[in-house]
Amino acid sequence: MQWWFGPIGAVVIILIIFVLKKWTRLRKLKLKTLDISVIPLWILLHYTMGYRFGVSWILWFVIVWCLIGSILSWVLLQNKWHWRSFWYKFWEWSGLLGGVLLLIVTIVGFTTH
């Protein structure tokens, strides 16, 4: 298996989720495409990084992200944010971070290939 199957798989998964949300009853739910694709993005990031570089630093990314989340929760919940809205935004930000990291790993992987 080639290392670049992960990023292609991420694009395919996001397109499938987008199509299912567009043409099925999922469109009536308040879930966004990014809400559904958080876990697949992080899993594909782990496999892509492992296949390309031989080591996955995903555990360190998650630890740092949880530390940032705890600091953000402390600051934002003191500024009168509701805890549900914070965790929902943090879940979306986790998906964005996973997608950005997958994009960076893909670009670095292709440039060092």
PDB file of N, CA and C in Angstrom:
ATOM      1  N   MET A   1       0.838  -1.172   0.000  1.00  0.00           N
ATOM      2  CA  MET A   1       0.000   0.000   0.000  1.00  0.00           C
ATOM      3  C   MET A   1       0.886   1.239   0.000  1.00  0.00           C
ATOM      4  N   GLN A   2       0.553   2.194  -0.804  1.00  0.00           N
ATOM      5  CA  GLN A   2       1.310   3.438  -0.893  1.00  0.00           C
ATOM      6  C   GLN A   2       0.868   4.402   0.189  1.00  0.00           C
ATOM      7  N   TRP A   3       1.761   5.290   0.573  1.00  0.00           N
ATOM      8  CA  TRP A   3       1.461   6.230   1.657  1.00  0.00           C
ATOM      9  C   TRP A   3       0.430   7.271   1.244  1.00  0.00           C
ATOM     10  N   TRP A   4       0.319   7.589  -0.022  1.00  0.00           N
ATOM     11  CA  TRP A   4      -0.579   8.637  -0.464  1.00  0.00           C
ATOM     12  C   TRP A   4      -2.018   8.162  -0.611  1.00  0.00           C
ATOM     13  N   PHE A   5      -2.305   6.896  -0.306  1.00  0.00           N
ATOM     14  CA  PHE A   5      -3.688   6.421  -0.305  1.00  0.00           C
ATOM     15  C   PHE A   5      -4.493   7.076   0.815  1.00  0.00           C
ATOM     16  N   GLY A   6      -3.830   7.436   1.915  1.00  0.00           N
ATOM     17  CA  GLY A   6      -4.517   8.081   3.039  1.00  0.00           C
ATOM     18  C   GLY A   6      -5.140   9.417   2.675  1.00  0.00           C
ATOM     19  N   PRO A   7      -4.363  10.353   2.099  1.00  0.00           N
ATOM     20  CA  PRO A   7      -4.973  11.620   1.692  1.00  0.00           C
ATOM     21  C   PRO A   7      -6.062  11.467   0.637  1.00  0.00           C
ATOM     22  N   ILE A   8      -5.877  10.547  -0.289  1.00  0.00           N
ATOM     23  CA  ILE A   8      -6.930  10.303  -1.289  1.00  0.00           C
ATOM     24  C   ILE A   8      -8.161   9.743  -0.599  1.00  0.00           C
ATOM     25  N   GLY A   9      -7.953   8.855   0.372  1.00  0.00           N
ATOM     26  CA  GLY A   9      -9.067   8.305   1.144  1.00  0.00           C
ATOM     27  C   GLY A   9      -9.799   9.375   1.926  1.00  0.00           C
ATOM     28  N   ALA A  10      -9.071  10.347   2.465  1.00  0.00           N
ATOM     29  CA  ALA A  10      -9.712  11.439   3.205  1.00  0.00           C
ATOM     30  C   ALA A  10     -10.602  12.259   2.288  1.00  0.00           C
ATOM     31  N   VAL A  11     -10.121  12.553   1.097  1.00  0.00           N
ATOM     32  CA  VAL A  11     -10.930  13.309   0.141  1.00  0.00           C
ATOM     33  C   VAL A  11     -12.170  12.506  -0.249  1.00  0.00           C
ATOM     34  N   VAL A  12     -12.007  11.210  -0.470  1.00  0.00           N
ATOM     35  CA  VAL A  12     -13.141  10.368  -0.839  1.00  0.00           C
ATOM     36  C   VAL A  12     -14.159  10.298   0.299  1.00  0.00           C
ATOM     37  N   ILE A  13     -13.686  10.140   1.540  1.00  0.00           N
ATOM     38  CA  ILE A  13     -14.598  10.071   2.683  1.00  0.00           C
ATOM     39  C   ILE A  13     -15.373  11.375   2.834  1.00  0.00           C
ATOM     40  N   ILE A  14     -14.690  12.500   2.708  1.00  0.00           N
ATOM     41  CA  ILE A  14     -15.370  13.787   2.835  1.00  0.00           C
ATOM     42  C   ILE A  14     -16.373  13.983   1.705  1.00  0.00           C
ATOM     43  N   LEU A  15     -16.032  13.576   0.493  1.00  0.00           N
ATOM     44  CA  LEU A  15     -16.982  13.676  -0.615  1.00  0.00           C
ATOM     45  C   LEU A  15     -18.195  12.773  -0.405  1.00  0.00           C
ATOM     46  N   ILE A  16     -17.982  11.564   0.122  1.00  0.00           N
ATOM     47  CA  ILE A  16     -19.096  10.649   0.391  1.00  0.00           C
ATOM     48  C   ILE A  16     -20.015  11.237   1.459  1.00  0.00           C
ATOM     49  N   ILE A  17     -19.423  11.791   2.511  1.00  0.00           N
ATOM     50  CA  ILE A  17     -20.231  12.416   3.562  1.00  0.00           C
ATOM     51  C   ILE A  17     -21.008  13.601   2.993  1.00  0.00           C
ATOM     52  N   PHE A  18     -20.349  14.393   2.167  1.00  0.00           N
ATOM     53  CA  PHE A  18     -21.011  15.550   1.550  1.00  0.00           C
ATOM     54  C   PHE A  18     -22.185  15.107   0.677  1.00  0.00           C
ATOM     55  N   VAL A  19     -21.991  14.069  -0.127  1.00  0.00           N
ATOM     56  CA  VAL A  19     -23.051  13.576  -1.006  1.00  0.00           C
ATOM     57  C   VAL A  19     -24.188  12.977  -0.188  1.00  0.00           C
ATOM     58  N   LEU A  20     -23.842  12.208   0.865  1.00  0.00           N
ATOM     59  CA  LEU A  20     -24.899  11.630   1.702  1.00  0.00           C
ATOM     60  C   LEU A  20     -25.703  12.712   2.410  1.00  0.00           C
ATOM     61  N   LYS A  21     -25.049  13.762   2.844  1.00  0.00           N
ATOM     62  CA  LYS A  21     -25.766  14.856   3.489  1.00  0.00           C
ATOM     63  C   LYS A  21     -26.637  15.622   2.496  1.00  0.00           C
ATOM     64  N   LYS A  22     -26.216  15.650   1.253  1.00  0.00           N
ATOM     65  CA  LYS A  22     -26.957  16.397   0.241  1.00  0.00           C
ATOM     66  C   LYS A  22     -28.207  15.648  -0.219  1.00  0.00           C
ATOM     67  N   TRP A  23     -28.108  14.318  -0.366  1.00  0.00           N
ATOM     68  CA  TRP A  23     -29.184  13.568  -1.006  1.00  0.00           C
ATOM     69  C   TRP A  23     -29.910  12.580  -0.110  1.00  0.00           C
ATOM     70  N   THR A  24     -29.620  12.546   1.161  1.00  0.00           N
ATOM     71  CA  THR A  24     -30.338  11.648   2.067  1.00  0.00           C
ATOM     72  C   THR A  24     -30.963  12.452   3.200  1.00  0.00           C
ATOM     73  N   ARG A  25     -31.511  11.756   4.158  1.00  0.00           N
ATOM     74  CA  ARG A  25     -32.155  12.416   5.294  1.00  0.00           C
ATOM     75  C   ARG A  25     -31.154  13.019   6.272  1.00  0.00           C
ATOM     76  N   LEU A  26     -29.878  12.800   6.058  1.00  0.00           N
ATOM     77  CA  LEU A  26     -28.867  13.418   6.922  1.00  0.00           C
ATOM     78  C   LEU A  26     -28.894  14.933   6.831  1.00  0.00           C
ATOM     79  N   ARG A  27     -29.453  15.471   5.746  1.00  0.00           N
ATOM     80  CA  ARG A  27     -29.474  16.924   5.599  1.00  0.00           C
ATOM     81  C   ARG A  27     -30.395  17.590   6.615  1.00  0.00           C
ATOM     82  N   LYS A  28     -31.331  16.822   7.173  1.00  0.00           N
ATOM     83  CA  LYS A  28     -32.228  17.388   8.174  1.00  0.00           C
ATOM     84  C   LYS A  28     -31.569  17.488   9.548  1.00  0.00           C
ATOM     85  N   LEU A  29     -30.504  16.742   9.748  1.00  0.00           N
ATOM     86  CA  LEU A  29     -29.775  16.826  11.013  1.00  0.00           C
ATOM     87  C   LEU A  29     -28.915  18.078  11.028  1.00  0.00           C
ATOM     88  N   LYS A  30     -28.591  18.526  12.194  1.00  0.00           N
ATOM     89  CA  LYS A  30     -27.777  19.738  12.299  1.00  0.00           C
ATOM     90  C   LYS A  30     -26.283  19.424  12.275  1.00  0.00           C
ATOM     91  N   LEU A  31     -25.919  18.219  11.887  1.00  0.00           N
ATOM     92  CA  LEU A  31     -24.507  17.848  11.790  1.00  0.00           C
ATOM     93  C   LEU A  31     -23.917  18.395  10.499  1.00  0.00           C
ATOM     94  N   LYS A  32     -22.707  18.877  10.608  1.00  0.00           N
ATOM     95  CA  LYS A  32     -21.989  19.347   9.431  1.00  0.00           C
ATOM     96  C   LYS A  32     -21.049  18.260   8.952  1.00  0.00           C
ATOM     97  N   THR A  33     -20.536  18.416   7.756  1.00  0.00           N
ATOM     98  CA  THR A  33     -19.601  17.442   7.205  1.00  0.00           C
ATOM     99  C   THR A  33     -18.360  17.325   8.082  1.00  0.00           C
ATOM    100  N   LEU A  34     -17.899  18.425   8.607  1.00  0.00           N
ATOM    101  CA  LEU A  34     -16.714  18.414   9.456  1.00  0.00           C
ATOM    102  C   LEU A  34     -16.962  17.677  10.769  1.00  0.00           C
ATOM    103  N   ASP A  35     -18.205  17.702  11.267  1.00  0.00           N
ATOM    104  CA  ASP A  35     -18.534  16.989  12.498  1.00  0.00           C
ATOM    105  C   ASP A  35     -18.376  15.479  12.334  1.00  0.00           C
ATOM    106  N   ILE A  36     -18.750  14.984  11.188  1.00  0.00           N
ATOM    107  CA  ILE A  36     -18.716  13.549  10.933  1.00  0.00           C
ATOM    108  C   ILE A  36     -17.307  13.074  10.575  1.00  0.00           C
ATOM    109  N   SER A  37     -16.513  13.927   9.975  1.00  0.00           N
ATOM    110  CA  SER A  37     -15.219  13.492   9.444  1.00  0.00           C
ATOM    111  C   SER A  37     -14.044  13.700  10.397  1.00  0.00           C
ATOM    112  N   VAL A  38     -14.272  14.045  11.648  1.00  0.00           N
ATOM    113  CA  VAL A  38     -13.162  14.300  12.572  1.00  0.00           C
ATOM    114  C   VAL A  38     -12.347  13.031  12.816  1.00  0.00           C
ATOM    115  N   ILE A  39     -13.005  11.966  13.230  1.00  0.00           N
ATOM    116  CA  ILE A  39     -12.287  10.737  13.576  1.00  0.00           C
ATOM    117  C   ILE A  39     -11.626  10.106  12.344  1.00  0.00           C
ATOM    118  N   PRO A  40     -12.302   9.997  11.180  1.00  0.00           N
ATOM    119  CA  PRO A  40     -11.594   9.464  10.015  1.00  0.00           C
ATOM    120  C   PRO A  40     -10.374  10.295   9.601  1.00  0.00           C
ATOM    121  N   LEU A  41     -10.444  11.615   9.751  1.00  0.00           N
ATOM    122  CA  LEU A  41      -9.288  12.447   9.401  1.00  0.00           C
ATOM    123  C   LEU A  41      -8.092  12.148  10.301  1.00  0.00           C
ATOM    124  N   TRP A  42      -8.323  12.015  11.601  1.00  0.00           N
ATOM    125  CA  TRP A  42      -7.217  11.730  12.513  1.00  0.00           C
ATOM    126  C   TRP A  42      -6.656  10.336  12.295  1.00  0.00           C
ATOM    127  N   ILE A  43      -7.514   9.358  12.004  1.00  0.00           N
ATOM    128  CA  ILE A  43      -7.037   7.999  11.731  1.00  0.00           C
ATOM    129  C   ILE A  43      -6.215   7.978  10.449  1.00  0.00           C
ATOM    130  N   LEU A  44      -6.697   8.647   9.404  1.00  0.00           N
ATOM    131  CA  LEU A  44      -5.949   8.696   8.151  1.00  0.00           C
ATOM    132  C   LEU A  44      -4.648   9.478   8.304  1.00  0.00           C
ATOM    133  N   LEU A  45      -4.645  10.493   9.141  1.00  0.00           N
ATOM    134  CA  LEU A  45      -3.404  11.209   9.426  1.00  0.00           C
ATOM    135  C   LEU A  45      -2.394  10.281  10.082  1.00  0.00           C
ATOM    136  N   HIS A  46      -2.846   9.468  11.018  1.00  0.00           N
ATOM    137  CA  HIS A  46      -1.963   8.512  11.696  1.00  0.00           C
ATOM    138  C   HIS A  46      -1.351   7.526  10.698  1.00  0.00           C
ATOM    139  N   TYR A  47      -2.177   6.943   9.845  1.00  0.00           N
ATOM    140  CA  TYR A  47      -1.674   5.967   8.880  1.00  0.00           C
ATOM    141  C   TYR A  47      -0.790   6.614   7.813  1.00  0.00           C
ATOM    142  N   THR A  48      -1.167   7.786   7.350  1.00  0.00           N
ATOM    143  CA  THR A  48      -0.361   8.467   6.341  1.00  0.00           C
ATOM    144  C   THR A  48       1.010   8.810   6.884  1.00  0.00           C
ATOM    145  N   MET A  49       1.049   9.354   8.082  1.00  0.00           N
ATOM    146  CA  MET A  49       2.332   9.706   8.684  1.00  0.00           C
ATOM    147  C   MET A  49       3.174   8.462   8.940  1.00  0.00           C
ATOM    148  N   GLY A  50       2.526   7.399   9.386  1.00  0.00           N
ATOM    149  CA  GLY A  50       3.255   6.158   9.643  1.00  0.00           C
ATOM    150  C   GLY A  50       3.815   5.523   8.386  1.00  0.00           C
ATOM    151  N   TYR A  51       3.012   5.481   7.326  1.00  0.00           N
ATOM    152  CA  TYR A  51       3.480   4.885   6.075  1.00  0.00           C
ATOM    153  C   TYR A  51       4.563   5.726   5.404  1.00  0.00           C
ATOM    154  N   ARG A  52       4.447   7.037   5.460  1.00  0.00           N
ATOM    155  CA  ARG A  52       5.399   7.887   4.750  1.00  0.00           C
ATOM    156  C   ARG A  52       6.712   8.067   5.505  1.00  0.00           C
ATOM    157  N   PHE A  53       6.619   8.336   6.820  1.00  0.00           N
ATOM    158  CA  PHE A  53       7.822   8.672   7.571  1.00  0.00           C
ATOM    159  C   PHE A  53       8.285   7.559   8.500  1.00  0.00           C
ATOM    160  N   GLY A  54       7.516   6.497   8.621  1.00  0.00           N
ATOM    161  CA  GLY A  54       7.913   5.382   9.464  1.00  0.00           C
ATOM    162  C   GLY A  54       7.581   5.568  10.938  1.00  0.00           C
ATOM    163  N   VAL A  55       7.114   6.734  11.313  1.00  0.00           N
ATOM    164  CA  VAL A  55       6.738   7.010  12.691  1.00  0.00           C
ATOM    165  C   VAL A  55       5.544   7.968  12.668  1.00  0.00           C
ATOM    166  N   SER A  56       4.646   7.775  13.628  1.00  0.00           N
ATOM    167  CA  SER A  56       3.491   8.660  13.717  1.00  0.00           C
ATOM    168  C   SER A  56       3.569   9.446  15.015  1.00  0.00           C
ATOM    169  N   TRP A  57       3.526  10.742  14.899  1.00  0.00           N
ATOM    170  CA  TRP A  57       3.558  11.608  16.068  1.00  0.00           C
ATOM    171  C   TRP A  57       2.160  12.023  16.476  1.00  0.00           C
ATOM    172  N   ILE A  58       1.167  11.246  16.103  1.00  0.00           N
ATOM    173  CA  ILE A  58      -0.221  11.613  16.347  1.00  0.00           C
ATOM    174  C   ILE A  58      -0.520  11.712  17.833  1.00  0.00           C
ATOM    175  N   LEU A  59       0.100  10.856  18.650  1.00  0.00           N
ATOM    176  CA  LEU A  59      -0.118  10.922  20.094  1.00  0.00           C
ATOM    177  C   LEU A  59       0.320  12.267  20.651  1.00  0.00           C
ATOM    178  N   TRP A  60       1.456  12.759  20.182  1.00  0.00           N
ATOM    179  CA  TRP A  60       1.946  14.062  20.653  1.00  0.00           C
ATOM    180  C   TRP A  60       1.048  15.197  20.173  1.00  0.00           C
ATOM    181  N   PHE A  61       0.546  15.101  18.942  1.00  0.00           N
ATOM    182  CA  PHE A  61      -0.386  16.112  18.443  1.00  0.00           C
ATOM    183  C   PHE A  61      -1.656  16.143  19.299  1.00  0.00           C
ATOM    184  N   VAL A  62      -2.162  14.971  19.642  1.00  0.00           N
ATOM    185  CA  VAL A  62      -3.390  14.898  20.432  1.00  0.00           C
ATOM    186  C   VAL A  62      -3.151  15.417  21.848  1.00  0.00           C
ATOM    187  N   ILE A  63      -2.007  15.087  22.442  1.00  0.00           N
ATOM    188  CA  ILE A  63      -1.697  15.584  23.786  1.00  0.00           C
ATOM    189  C   ILE A  63      -1.603  17.111  23.783  1.00  0.00           C
ATOM    190  N   VAL A  64      -0.893  17.670  22.825  1.00  0.00           N
ATOM    191  CA  VAL A  64      -0.773  19.130  22.742  1.00  0.00           C
ATOM    192  C   VAL A  64      -2.138  19.755  22.472  1.00  0.00           C
ATOM    193  N   TRP A  65      -2.932  19.137  21.605  1.00  0.00           N
ATOM    194  CA  TRP A  65      -4.254  19.675  21.298  1.00  0.00           C
ATOM    195  C   TRP A  65      -5.159  19.635  22.527  1.00  0.00           C
ATOM    196  N   CYS A  66      -5.057  18.589  23.337  1.00  0.00           N
ATOM    197  CA  CYS A  66      -5.861  18.532  24.568  1.00  0.00           C
ATOM    198  C   CYS A  66      -5.399  19.575  25.584  1.00  0.00           C
ATOM    199  N   LEU A  67      -4.104  19.834  25.657  1.00  0.00           N
ATOM    200  CA  LEU A  67      -3.613  20.895  26.534  1.00  0.00           C
ATOM    201  C   LEU A  67      -4.119  22.264  26.066  1.00  0.00           C
ATOM    202  N   ILE A  68      -4.075  22.496  24.767  1.00  0.00           N
ATOM    203  CA  ILE A  68      -4.617  23.749  24.223  1.00  0.00           C
ATOM    204  C   ILE A  68      -6.114  23.836  24.513  1.00  0.00           C
ATOM    205  N   GLY A  69      -6.820  22.713  24.372  1.00  0.00           N
ATOM    206  CA  GLY A  69      -8.248  22.695  24.663  1.00  0.00           C
ATOM    207  C   GLY A  69      -8.556  22.975  26.119  1.00  0.00           C
ATOM    208  N   SER A  70      -7.733  22.469  27.017  1.00  0.00           N
ATOM    209  CA  SER A  70      -7.984  22.750  28.435  1.00  0.00           C
ATOM    210  C   SER A  70      -7.739  24.224  28.754  1.00  0.00           C
ATOM    211  N   ILE A  71      -6.729  24.819  28.143  1.00  0.00           N
ATOM    212  CA  ILE A  71      -6.488  26.250  28.344  1.00  0.00           C
ATOM    213  C   ILE A  71      -7.615  27.071  27.724  1.00  0.00           C
ATOM    214  N   LEU A  72      -8.028  26.699  26.516  1.00  0.00           N
ATOM    215  CA  LEU A  72      -9.146  27.400  25.871  1.00  0.00           C
ATOM    216  C   LEU A  72     -10.435  27.271  26.673  1.00  0.00           C
ATOM    217  N   SER A  73     -10.680  26.077  27.209  1.00  0.00           N
ATOM    218  CA  SER A  73     -11.906  25.905  27.994  1.00  0.00           C
ATOM    219  C   SER A  73     -11.868  26.746  29.257  1.00  0.00           C
ATOM    220  N   TRP A  74     -10.726  26.818  29.888  1.00  0.00           N
ATOM    221  CA  TRP A  74     -10.615  27.624  31.102  1.00  0.00           C
ATOM    222  C   TRP A  74     -10.866  29.094  30.800  1.00  0.00           C
ATOM    223  N   VAL A  75     -10.288  29.583  29.687  1.00  0.00           N
ATOM    224  CA  VAL A  75     -10.442  30.995  29.338  1.00  0.00           C
ATOM    225  C   VAL A  75     -11.853  31.287  28.820  1.00  0.00           C
ATOM    226  N   LEU A  76     -12.328  30.484  27.886  1.00  0.00           N
ATOM    227  CA  LEU A  76     -13.600  30.791  27.235  1.00  0.00           C
ATOM    228  C   LEU A  76     -14.810  30.519  28.130  1.00  0.00           C
ATOM    229  N   LEU A  77     -14.733  29.503  28.970  1.00  0.00           N
ATOM    230  CA  LEU A  77     -15.858  29.247  29.868  1.00  0.00           C
ATOM    231  C   LEU A  77     -15.945  30.303  30.960  1.00  0.00           C
ATOM    232  N   GLN A  78     -14.833  30.953  31.257  1.00  0.00           N
ATOM    233  CA  GLN A  78     -14.888  32.072  32.200  1.00  0.00           C
ATOM    234  C   GLN A  78     -15.440  33.333  31.532  1.00  0.00           C
ATOM    235  N   ASN A  79     -15.389  33.371  30.212  1.00  0.00           N
ATOM    236  CA  ASN A  79     -15.941  34.513  29.460  1.00  0.00           C
ATOM    237  C   ASN A  79     -17.387  34.260  29.053  1.00  0.00           C
ATOM    238  N   LYS A  80     -18.090  33.446  29.827  1.00  0.00           N
ATOM    239  CA  LYS A  80     -19.538  33.210  29.676  1.00  0.00           C
ATOM    240  C   LYS A  80     -19.918  32.400  28.435  1.00  0.00           C
ATOM    241  N   TRP A  81     -19.012  31.581  27.926  1.00  0.00           N
ATOM    242  CA  TRP A  81     -19.396  30.642  26.883  1.00  0.00           C
ATOM    243  C   TRP A  81     -20.138  29.497  27.548  1.00  0.00           C
ATOM    244  N   HIS A  82     -21.128  28.956  26.868  1.00  0.00           N
ATOM    245  CA  HIS A  82     -21.813  27.772  27.375  1.00  0.00           C
ATOM    246  C   HIS A  82     -20.939  26.559  27.078  1.00  0.00           C
ATOM    247  N   TRP A  83     -20.910  25.594  27.979  1.00  0.00           N
ATOM    248  CA  TRP A  83     -19.997  24.470  27.821  1.00  0.00           C
ATOM    249  C   TRP A  83     -20.329  23.624  26.597  1.00  0.00           C
ATOM    250  N   ARG A  84     -21.613  23.509  26.234  1.00  0.00           N
ATOM    251  CA  ARG A  84     -21.967  22.731  25.034  1.00  0.00           C
ATOM    252  C   ARG A  84     -21.458  23.401  23.765  1.00  0.00           C
ATOM    253  N   SER A  85     -21.630  24.703  23.695  1.00  0.00           N
ATOM    254  CA  SER A  85     -21.143  25.402  22.497  1.00  0.00           C
ATOM    255  C   SER A  85     -19.629  25.341  22.413  1.00  0.00           C
ATOM    256  N   PHE A  86     -18.942  25.400  23.565  1.00  0.00           N
ATOM    257  CA  PHE A  86     -17.482  25.295  23.529  1.00  0.00           C
ATOM    258  C   PHE A  86     -17.043  23.930  23.011  1.00  0.00           C
ATOM    259  N   TRP A  87     -17.614  22.854  23.551  1.00  0.00           N
ATOM    260  CA  TRP A  87     -17.173  21.523  23.132  1.00  0.00           C
ATOM    261  C   TRP A  87     -17.547  21.234  21.686  1.00  0.00           C
ATOM    262  N   TYR A  88     -18.664  21.791  21.235  1.00  0.00           N
ATOM    263  CA  TYR A  88     -19.012  21.631  19.826  1.00  0.00           C
ATOM    264  C   TYR A  88     -17.995  22.343  18.943  1.00  0.00           C
ATOM    265  N   LYS A  89     -17.622  23.563  19.308  1.00  0.00           N
ATOM    266  CA  LYS A  89     -16.610  24.300  18.540  1.00  0.00           C
ATOM    267  C   LYS A  89     -15.257  23.600  18.618  1.00  0.00           C
ATOM    268  N   PHE A  90     -14.918  23.072  19.784  1.00  0.00           N
ATOM    269  CA  PHE A  90     -13.648  22.368  19.931  1.00  0.00           C
ATOM    270  C   PHE A  90     -13.624  21.111  19.056  1.00  0.00           C
ATOM    271  N   TRP A  91     -14.763  20.425  18.930  1.00  0.00           N
ATOM    272  CA  TRP A  91     -14.854  19.266  18.054  1.00  0.00           C
ATOM    273  C   TRP A  91     -14.640  19.694  16.594  1.00  0.00           C
ATOM    274  N   GLU A  92     -15.254  20.798  16.184  1.00  0.00           N
ATOM    275  CA  GLU A  92     -15.051  21.301  14.821  1.00  0.00           C
ATOM    276  C   GLU A  92     -13.602  21.709  14.607  1.00  0.00           C
ATOM    277  N   TRP A  93     -13.014  22.390  15.587  1.00  0.00           N
ATOM    278  CA  TRP A  93     -11.615  22.805  15.473  1.00  0.00           C
ATOM    279  C   TRP A  93     -10.694  21.588  15.394  1.00  0.00           C
ATOM    280  N   SER A  94     -11.077  20.497  16.056  1.00  0.00           N
ATOM    281  CA  SER A  94     -10.281  19.270  15.979  1.00  0.00           C
ATOM    282  C   SER A  94     -10.295  18.702  14.560  1.00  0.00           C
ATOM    283  N   GLY A  95     -11.449  18.770  13.917  1.00  0.00           N
ATOM    284  CA  GLY A  95     -11.533  18.327  12.524  1.00  0.00           C
ATOM    285  C   GLY A  95     -10.710  19.202  11.598  1.00  0.00           C
ATOM    286  N   LEU A  96     -10.775  20.508  11.833  1.00  0.00           N
ATOM    287  CA  LEU A  96      -9.963  21.417  11.014  1.00  0.00           C
ATOM    288  C   LEU A  96      -8.474  21.169  11.232  1.00  0.00           C
ATOM    289  N   LEU A  97      -8.082  20.961  12.483  1.00  0.00           N
ATOM    290  CA  LEU A  97      -6.673  20.694  12.772  1.00  0.00           C
ATOM    291  C   LEU A  97      -6.227  19.390  12.123  1.00  0.00           C
ATOM    292  N   GLY A  98      -7.065  18.351  12.199  1.00  0.00           N
ATOM    293  CA  GLY A  98      -6.721  17.082  11.551  1.00  0.00           C
ATOM    294  C   GLY A  98      -6.572  17.228  10.047  1.00  0.00           C
ATOM    295  N   GLY A  99      -7.462  17.990   9.430  1.00  0.00           N
ATOM    296  CA  GLY A  99      -7.369  18.227   7.987  1.00  0.00           C
ATOM    297  C   GLY A  99      -6.143  19.028   7.603  1.00  0.00           C
ATOM    298  N   VAL A 100      -5.827  20.052   8.386  1.00  0.00           N
ATOM    299  CA  VAL A 100      -4.639  20.874   8.105  1.00  0.00           C
ATOM    300  C   VAL A 100      -3.363  20.046   8.295  1.00  0.00           C
ATOM    301  N   LEU A 101      -3.312  19.244   9.358  1.00  0.00           N
ATOM    302  CA  LEU A 101      -2.131  18.401   9.575  1.00  0.00           C
ATOM    303  C   LEU A 101      -1.983  17.355   8.476  1.00  0.00           C
ATOM    304  N   LEU A 102      -3.102  16.798   8.016  1.00  0.00           N
ATOM    305  CA  LEU A 102      -3.042  15.841   6.909  1.00  0.00           C
ATOM    306  C   LEU A 102      -2.543  16.510   5.639  1.00  0.00           C
ATOM    307  N   LEU A 103      -2.980  17.739   5.401  1.00  0.00           N
ATOM    308  CA  LEU A 103      -2.505  18.487   4.238  1.00  0.00           C
ATOM    309  C   LEU A 103      -1.006  18.772   4.349  1.00  0.00           C
ATOM    310  N   ILE A 104      -0.546  19.169   5.531  1.00  0.00           N
ATOM    311  CA  ILE A 104       0.883  19.450   5.733  1.00  0.00           C
ATOM    312  C   ILE A 104       1.713  18.180   5.565  1.00  0.00           C
ATOM    313  N   VAL A 105       1.264  17.075   6.129  1.00  0.00           N
ATOM    314  CA  VAL A 105       1.992  15.809   5.995  1.00  0.00           C
ATOM    315  C   VAL A 105       2.033  15.375   4.537  1.00  0.00           C
ATOM    316  N   THR A 106       0.947  15.581   3.806  1.00  0.00           N
ATOM    317  CA  THR A 106       0.923  15.232   2.384  1.00  0.00           C
ATOM    318  C   THR A 106       1.886  16.077   1.585  1.00  0.00           C
ATOM    319  N   ILE A 107       1.900  17.386   1.820  1.00  0.00           N
ATOM    320  CA  ILE A 107       2.807  18.274   1.101  1.00  0.00           C
ATOM    321  C   ILE A 107       4.264  17.949   1.419  1.00  0.00           C
ATOM    322  N   VAL A 108       4.569  17.765   2.701  1.00  0.00           N
ATOM    323  CA  VAL A 108       5.948  17.412   3.092  1.00  0.00           C
ATOM    324  C   VAL A 108       6.321  16.045   2.522  1.00  0.00           C
ATOM    325  N   GLY A 109       5.372  15.117   2.527  1.00  0.00           N
ATOM    326  CA  GLY A 109       5.640  13.792   1.974  1.00  0.00           C
ATOM    327  C   GLY A 109       5.936  13.824   0.489  1.00  0.00           C
ATOM    328  N   PHE A 110       5.204  14.621  -0.258  1.00  0.00           N
ATOM    329  CA  PHE A 110       5.464  14.718  -1.697  1.00  0.00           C
ATOM    330  C   PHE A 110       6.749  15.475  -2.003  1.00  0.00           C
ATOM    331  N   THR A 111       7.085  16.467  -1.201  1.00  0.00           N
ATOM    332  CA  THR A 111       8.313  17.228  -1.480  1.00  0.00           C
ATOM    333  C   THR A 111       9.570  16.444  -1.095  1.00  0.00           C
ATOM    334  N   THR A 112       9.466  15.538  -0.118  1.00  0.00           N
ATOM    335  CA  THR A 112      10.622  14.730   0.247  1.00  0.00           C
ATOM    336  C   THR A 112      10.629  13.369  -0.410  1.00  0.00           C
ATOM    337  N   HIS A 113       9.709  13.129  -1.290  1.00  0.00           N
ATOM    338  CA  HIS A 113       9.595  11.820  -1.947  1.00  0.00           C
ATOM    339  C   HIS A 113      10.671  11.626  -2.977  1.00  0.00           C
TER     340      HIS A 113
END
